[in-house]
Amino acid sequence: MAVPKRHDKLMKHLMTSDKAEQPKTYTYSEESEFLILKHDIDKGMKLPQHKINRYLELKQKLGK
């Protein structure tokens, strides 16, 4: 059974449209880590200096 050509065009479009999007310079795990640290700071938790440094680094990297 032959696959319709329309399907091929759609798949080709989907495959190329992903490449056209701007890649993120950060990962979702970094964004999650930032949100967790931000939540802890907002709640008034005392964080070790290395965690505060990581928060500031992620804040600058994510532009938030």
C-alpha atoms as a PDB file:
ATOM      1  CA  MET A   1       0.000   0.000   0.000  1.00  0.00           C
ATOM      2  CA  ALA A   2       1.427   3.352  -1.051  1.00  0.00           C
ATOM      3  CA  VAL A   3       1.681   6.295   1.318  1.00  0.00           C
ATOM      4  CA  PRO A   4      -0.031   9.446  -0.010  1.00  0.00           C
ATOM      5  CA  LYS A   5       2.317  12.166  -1.223  1.00  0.00           C
ATOM      6  CA  ARG A   6       0.533  14.719   0.935  1.00  0.00           C
ATOM      7  CA  HIS A   7       1.758  12.818   3.996  1.00  0.00           C
ATOM      8  CA  ASP A   8       5.328  13.008   2.690  1.00  0.00           C
ATOM      9  CA  LYS A   9       5.044  16.763   2.205  1.00  0.00           C
ATOM     10  CA  LEU A  10       3.621  17.187   5.686  1.00  0.00           C
ATOM     11  CA  MET A  11       6.400  15.121   7.259  1.00  0.00           C
ATOM     12  CA  LYS A  12       9.047  17.033   5.326  1.00  0.00           C
ATOM     13  CA  HIS A  13       7.530  20.333   6.492  1.00  0.00           C
ATOM     14  CA  LEU A  14       7.432  19.171  10.102  1.00  0.00           C
ATOM     15  CA  MET A  15      11.030  18.001   9.985  1.00  0.00           C
ATOM     16  CA  THR A  16      12.294  21.279   8.509  1.00  0.00           C
ATOM     17  CA  SER A  17      10.121  23.562  10.650  1.00  0.00           C
ATOM     18  CA  ASP A  18      11.856  22.315  13.815  1.00  0.00           C
ATOM     19  CA  LYS A  19      15.193  23.440  12.433  1.00  0.00           C
ATOM     20  CA  ALA A  20      13.847  26.906  11.645  1.00  0.00           C
ATOM     21  CA  GLU A  21      12.987  27.629  15.279  1.00  0.00           C
ATOM     22  CA  GLN A  22      15.555  29.411  17.395  1.00  0.00           C
ATOM     23  CA  PRO A  23      17.247  26.900  19.667  1.00  0.00           C
ATOM     24  CA  LYS A  24      17.144  27.739  23.354  1.00  0.00           C
ATOM     25  CA  THR A  25      20.448  28.461  24.998  1.00  0.00           C
ATOM     26  CA  TYR A  26      19.244  26.742  28.158  1.00  0.00           C
ATOM     27  CA  THR A  27      17.507  23.513  29.009  1.00  0.00           C
ATOM     28  CA  TYR A  28      14.211  22.925  30.742  1.00  0.00           C
ATOM     29  CA  SER A  29      16.074  21.415  33.679  1.00  0.00           C
ATOM     30  CA  GLU A  30      17.957  24.692  34.131  1.00  0.00           C
ATOM     31  CA  GLU A  31      14.668  26.577  34.033  1.00  0.00           C
ATOM     32  CA  SER A  32      13.192  24.175  36.595  1.00  0.00           C
ATOM     33  CA  GLU A  33      16.254  24.538  38.815  1.00  0.00           C
ATOM     34  CA  PHE A  34      15.924  28.329  38.598  1.00  0.00           C
ATOM     35  CA  LEU A  35      12.234  28.219  39.554  1.00  0.00           C
ATOM     36  CA  ILE A  36      12.945  25.927  42.523  1.00  0.00           C
ATOM     37  CA  LEU A  37      15.719  28.200  43.795  1.00  0.00           C
ATOM     38  CA  LYS A  38      13.540  31.282  43.232  1.00  0.00           C
ATOM     39  CA  HIS A  39      10.709  29.675  45.213  1.00  0.00           C
ATOM     40  CA  ASP A  40      13.065  28.846  48.092  1.00  0.00           C
ATOM     41  CA  ILE A  41      14.429  32.394  48.160  1.00  0.00           C
ATOM     42  CA  ASP A  42      10.925  33.902  47.974  1.00  0.00           C
ATOM     43  CA  LYS A  43       9.868  31.756  50.953  1.00  0.00           C
ATOM     44  CA  GLY A  44      12.785  33.148  52.963  1.00  0.00           C
ATOM     45  CA  MET A  45      14.847  29.979  53.170  1.00  0.00           C
ATOM     46  CA  LYS A  46      18.507  30.409  54.010  1.00  0.00           C
ATOM     47  CA  LEU A  47      20.508  28.967  51.129  1.00  0.00           C
ATOM     48  CA  PRO A  48      24.222  28.149  51.020  1.00  0.00           C
ATOM     49  CA  GLN A  49      26.355  30.582  49.045  1.00  0.00           C
ATOM     50  CA  HIS A  50      26.929  28.144  46.161  1.00  0.00           C
ATOM     51  CA  LYS A  51      23.147  27.824  45.670  1.00  0.00           C
ATOM     52  CA  ILE A  52      22.751  31.610  45.666  1.00  0.00           C
ATOM     53  CA  ASN A  53      25.567  31.864  43.121  1.00  0.00           C
ATOM     54  CA  ARG A  54      23.845  29.227  40.962  1.00  0.00           C
ATOM     55  CA  TYR A  55      20.555  31.153  41.213  1.00  0.00           C
ATOM     56  CA  LEU A  56      22.246  34.370  40.069  1.00  0.00           C
ATOM     57  CA  GLU A  57      24.003  32.522  37.227  1.00  0.00           C
ATOM     58  CA  LEU A  58      20.726  30.993  36.017  1.00  0.00           C
ATOM     59  CA  LYS A  59      18.919  34.316  36.392  1.00  0.00           C
ATOM     60  CA  GLN A  60      21.426  35.963  34.082  1.00  0.00           C
ATOM     61  CA  LYS A  61      21.450  33.042  31.631  1.00  0.00           C
ATOM     62  CA  LEU A  62      17.655  32.815  31.383  1.00  0.00           C
ATOM     63  CA  GLY A  63      17.202  36.571  31.316  1.00  0.00           C
ATOM     64  CA  LYS A  64      14.642  36.650  34.120  1.00  0.00           C
END
